[in-house]
């Protein structure tokens, strides 16, 4: 897979997850009031940061897995001190 294809797939997955997570919140209505996902801009920034760190952690885990399995041409899969 090329880097561009991976980035595009990641973006599509992020949009799909956001749509699935936010959809029920907008659909739920109690006494004609919407349930707010975030109350202020700080909470919105916190959600964005949490999502970013989860995605970055997943990418780091996938990268370390590929490195340790030796799937990269420059990697032997052996641990060595640097």
N, C-alpha and C. Protein backbone atom coordinates (compact mmCIF):
# COMPACT_ATOMS: atom_id res chain seq x y z
N UNK A 1 0.84 -1.17 0.00
CA UNK A 1 0.00 0.00 0.00
C UNK A 1 0.89 1.24 0.00
N UNK A 2 0.51 2.19 -0.77
CA UNK A 2 1.27 3.43 -0.79
C UNK A 2 0.87 4.30 0.38
N UNK A 3 1.72 5.26 0.66
CA UNK A 3 1.46 6.16 1.78
C UNK A 3 0.19 6.96 1.55
N UNK A 4 -0.02 7.42 0.33
CA UNK A 4 -1.22 8.21 0.03
C UNK A 4 -2.49 7.39 0.26
N UNK A 5 -2.47 6.13 -0.14
CA UNK A 5 -3.64 5.28 0.04
C UNK A 5 -3.92 5.04 1.52
N UNK A 6 -2.86 4.85 2.30
CA UNK A 6 -3.04 4.65 3.74
C UNK A 6 -3.63 5.89 4.40
N UNK A 7 -3.12 7.05 4.02
CA UNK A 7 -3.63 8.29 4.60
C UNK A 7 -5.10 8.48 4.24
N UNK A 8 -5.45 8.21 3.00
CA UNK A 8 -6.84 8.34 2.58
C UNK A 8 -7.75 7.37 3.32
N UNK A 9 -7.31 6.14 3.50
CA UNK A 9 -8.09 5.15 4.24
C UNK A 9 -8.24 5.57 5.71
N UNK A 10 -7.19 6.13 6.28
CA UNK A 10 -7.26 6.62 7.65
C UNK A 10 -8.27 7.75 7.77
N UNK A 11 -8.26 8.67 6.83
CA UNK A 11 -9.20 9.79 6.86
C UNK A 11 -10.64 9.30 6.70
N UNK A 12 -10.87 8.35 5.81
CA UNK A 12 -12.22 7.81 5.62
C UNK A 12 -12.68 7.10 6.89
N UNK A 13 -11.79 6.36 7.51
CA UNK A 13 -12.15 5.66 8.74
C UNK A 13 -12.47 6.65 9.86
N UNK A 14 -11.70 7.73 9.95
CA UNK A 14 -11.96 8.74 10.98
C UNK A 14 -13.32 9.41 10.77
N UNK A 15 -13.66 9.72 9.51
CA UNK A 15 -14.95 10.34 9.23
C UNK A 15 -16.09 9.37 9.56
N UNK A 16 -15.91 8.09 9.22
CA UNK A 16 -16.94 7.10 9.51
C UNK A 16 -17.15 6.94 11.01
N UNK A 17 -16.08 6.91 11.77
CA UNK A 17 -16.20 6.78 13.23
C UNK A 17 -16.88 8.00 13.82
N UNK A 18 -16.50 9.18 13.35
CA UNK A 18 -17.13 10.41 13.87
C UNK A 18 -18.62 10.41 13.54
N UNK A 19 -18.99 9.98 12.32
CA UNK A 19 -20.40 9.96 11.94
C UNK A 19 -21.18 8.95 12.78
N UNK A 20 -20.57 7.80 13.05
CA UNK A 20 -21.25 6.80 13.86
C UNK A 20 -21.37 7.23 15.32
N UNK A 21 -20.39 7.97 15.81
CA UNK A 21 -20.43 8.39 17.21
C UNK A 21 -21.35 9.58 17.43
N UNK A 22 -21.40 10.50 16.48
CA UNK A 22 -22.17 11.73 16.66
C UNK A 22 -23.63 11.53 16.25
N UNK A 23 -23.91 10.63 15.35
CA UNK A 23 -25.27 10.41 14.86
C UNK A 23 -26.29 10.14 15.95
N UNK A 24 -26.06 9.18 16.83
CA UNK A 24 -27.04 8.92 17.89
C UNK A 24 -27.23 10.08 18.85
N UNK A 25 -26.18 10.86 19.05
CA UNK A 25 -26.29 12.01 19.96
C UNK A 25 -27.26 13.03 19.39
N UNK A 26 -27.20 13.28 18.10
CA UNK A 26 -28.12 14.22 17.48
C UNK A 26 -29.54 13.65 17.39
N UNK A 27 -29.66 12.34 17.29
CA UNK A 27 -30.99 11.74 17.16
C UNK A 27 -31.73 11.70 18.50
N UNK A 28 -31.00 11.61 19.59
CA UNK A 28 -31.64 11.53 20.90
C UNK A 28 -32.16 12.89 21.29
N UNK A 29 -33.42 12.94 21.62
CA UNK A 29 -34.02 14.20 22.04
C UNK A 29 -34.89 13.94 23.26
N UNK A 30 -34.64 14.71 24.31
CA UNK A 30 -35.45 14.62 25.51
C UNK A 30 -36.03 15.99 25.80
N UNK A 31 -37.33 16.09 25.85
CA UNK A 31 -38.04 17.35 26.08
C UNK A 31 -37.63 18.41 25.07
N UNK A 32 -37.50 18.03 23.85
CA UNK A 32 -37.13 18.92 22.75
C UNK A 32 -35.79 19.62 22.98
N UNK A 33 -34.93 19.00 23.72
CA UNK A 33 -33.58 19.53 23.91
C UNK A 33 -32.58 18.52 23.38
N UNK A 34 -31.60 19.02 22.67
CA UNK A 34 -30.56 18.12 22.16
C UNK A 34 -29.54 17.84 23.25
N UNK A 35 -29.05 16.63 23.23
CA UNK A 35 -27.97 16.28 24.13
C UNK A 35 -26.68 16.82 23.53
N UNK A 36 -25.96 17.62 24.27
CA UNK A 36 -24.74 18.22 23.75
C UNK A 36 -23.58 17.27 23.93
N UNK A 37 -22.81 17.11 22.87
CA UNK A 37 -21.61 16.29 22.95
C UNK A 37 -20.52 17.04 23.73
N UNK A 38 -20.40 18.32 23.45
CA UNK A 38 -19.45 19.16 24.18
C UNK A 38 -20.17 20.43 24.61
N UNK A 39 -19.76 20.95 25.74
CA UNK A 39 -20.41 22.15 26.25
C UNK A 39 -19.68 23.43 25.86
N UNK A 40 -18.35 23.34 25.70
CA UNK A 40 -17.60 24.54 25.34
C UNK A 40 -16.44 24.15 24.42
N UNK A 41 -15.66 25.15 24.03
CA UNK A 41 -14.57 24.91 23.09
C UNK A 41 -13.45 24.08 23.71
N UNK A 42 -13.26 24.19 24.99
CA UNK A 42 -12.22 23.39 25.64
C UNK A 42 -12.53 21.90 25.55
N UNK A 43 -13.80 21.55 25.75
CA UNK A 43 -14.19 20.14 25.65
C UNK A 43 -14.02 19.63 24.22
N UNK A 44 -14.34 20.47 23.23
CA UNK A 44 -14.17 20.08 21.83
C UNK A 44 -12.70 19.84 21.52
N UNK A 45 -11.84 20.72 22.00
CA UNK A 45 -10.40 20.54 21.79
C UNK A 45 -9.92 19.27 22.47
N UNK A 46 -10.45 18.99 23.66
CA UNK A 46 -10.07 17.76 24.35
C UNK A 46 -10.46 16.52 23.57
N UNK A 47 -11.64 16.51 22.98
CA UNK A 47 -12.06 15.36 22.16
C UNK A 47 -11.17 15.20 20.93
N UNK A 48 -10.81 16.31 20.31
CA UNK A 48 -9.92 16.24 19.13
C UNK A 48 -8.56 15.71 19.53
N UNK A 49 -8.03 16.18 20.66
CA UNK A 49 -6.72 15.69 21.12
C UNK A 49 -6.77 14.21 21.49
N UNK A 50 -7.82 13.79 22.15
CA UNK A 50 -7.95 12.37 22.49
C UNK A 50 -7.99 11.52 21.22
N UNK A 51 -8.78 11.94 20.24
CA UNK A 51 -8.86 11.20 18.98
C UNK A 51 -7.50 11.15 18.29
N UNK A 52 -6.78 12.28 18.28
CA UNK A 52 -5.46 12.32 17.65
C UNK A 52 -4.50 11.36 18.34
N UNK A 53 -4.48 11.35 19.67
CA UNK A 53 -3.56 10.48 20.39
C UNK A 53 -3.91 9.00 20.23
N UNK A 54 -5.18 8.69 20.13
CA UNK A 54 -5.58 7.30 19.88
C UNK A 54 -5.11 6.84 18.51
N UNK A 55 -5.29 7.70 17.49
CA UNK A 55 -4.84 7.36 16.14
C UNK A 55 -3.31 7.26 16.09
N UNK A 56 -2.62 8.20 16.73
CA UNK A 56 -1.16 8.18 16.75
C UNK A 56 -0.64 6.94 17.48
N UNK A 57 -1.30 6.57 18.57
CA UNK A 57 -0.89 5.36 19.29
C UNK A 57 -1.09 4.10 18.46
N UNK A 58 -2.20 4.05 17.73
CA UNK A 58 -2.44 2.92 16.84
C UNK A 58 -1.40 2.83 15.73
N UNK A 59 -1.03 3.99 15.17
CA UNK A 59 -0.01 4.01 14.13
C UNK A 59 1.36 3.59 14.69
N UNK A 60 1.67 4.04 15.89
CA UNK A 60 2.94 3.65 16.52
C UNK A 60 2.96 2.16 16.81
N UNK A 61 1.85 1.62 17.27
CA UNK A 61 1.78 0.19 17.54
C UNK A 61 1.96 -0.62 16.25
N UNK A 62 1.28 -0.20 15.18
CA UNK A 62 1.40 -0.91 13.91
C UNK A 62 2.83 -0.83 13.38
N UNK A 63 3.46 0.33 13.54
CA UNK A 63 4.83 0.49 13.08
C UNK A 63 5.78 -0.40 13.88
N UNK A 64 5.62 -0.44 15.19
CA UNK A 64 6.50 -1.27 16.01
C UNK A 64 6.27 -2.76 15.73
N UNK A 65 5.04 -3.13 15.46
CA UNK A 65 4.75 -4.52 15.11
C UNK A 65 5.44 -4.94 13.83
N UNK A 66 5.36 -4.07 12.81
CA UNK A 66 6.03 -4.37 11.55
C UNK A 66 7.54 -4.41 11.72
N UNK A 67 8.07 -3.53 12.56
CA UNK A 67 9.52 -3.49 12.79
C UNK A 67 9.99 -4.76 13.48
N UNK A 68 9.26 -5.19 14.50
CA UNK A 68 9.69 -6.37 15.26
C UNK A 68 9.47 -7.67 14.50
N UNK A 69 8.49 -7.71 13.61
CA UNK A 69 8.28 -8.91 12.81
C UNK A 69 9.26 -9.01 11.65
N UNK A 70 9.98 -7.92 11.36
CA UNK A 70 10.96 -7.93 10.28
C UNK A 70 10.32 -7.79 8.92
N UNK A 71 9.14 -7.17 8.85
CA UNK A 71 8.46 -7.01 7.57
C UNK A 71 9.06 -5.89 6.72
N UNK A 72 9.82 -5.02 7.33
CA UNK A 72 10.45 -3.95 6.58
C UNK A 72 11.76 -4.46 5.99
N UNK A 73 12.13 -4.01 4.79
CA UNK A 73 13.35 -4.52 4.18
C UNK A 73 14.62 -4.14 4.97
N UNK A 74 14.61 -3.02 5.67
CA UNK A 74 15.80 -2.62 6.41
C UNK A 74 15.83 -3.20 7.82
N UNK A 75 14.78 -3.93 8.21
CA UNK A 75 14.70 -4.47 9.57
C UNK A 75 14.92 -5.98 9.56
N UNK A 76 15.69 -6.44 10.54
CA UNK A 76 15.90 -7.87 10.66
C UNK A 76 14.95 -8.50 11.67
N UNK A 77 14.31 -7.67 12.50
CA UNK A 77 13.42 -8.19 13.52
C UNK A 77 14.12 -8.46 14.84
N UNK A 78 15.45 -8.27 14.86
CA UNK A 78 16.21 -8.50 16.08
C UNK A 78 16.34 -7.19 16.84
N UNK A 79 16.31 -7.30 18.17
CA UNK A 79 16.48 -6.11 19.00
C UNK A 79 17.97 -5.85 19.15
N UNK A 80 18.35 -4.59 19.03
CA UNK A 80 19.75 -4.23 19.25
C UNK A 80 19.81 -2.86 19.91
N UNK A 81 20.79 -2.71 20.78
CA UNK A 81 20.99 -1.44 21.47
C UNK A 81 21.60 -0.44 20.50
N UNK A 82 21.24 0.79 20.65
CA UNK A 82 21.79 1.82 19.77
C UNK A 82 22.56 2.81 20.58
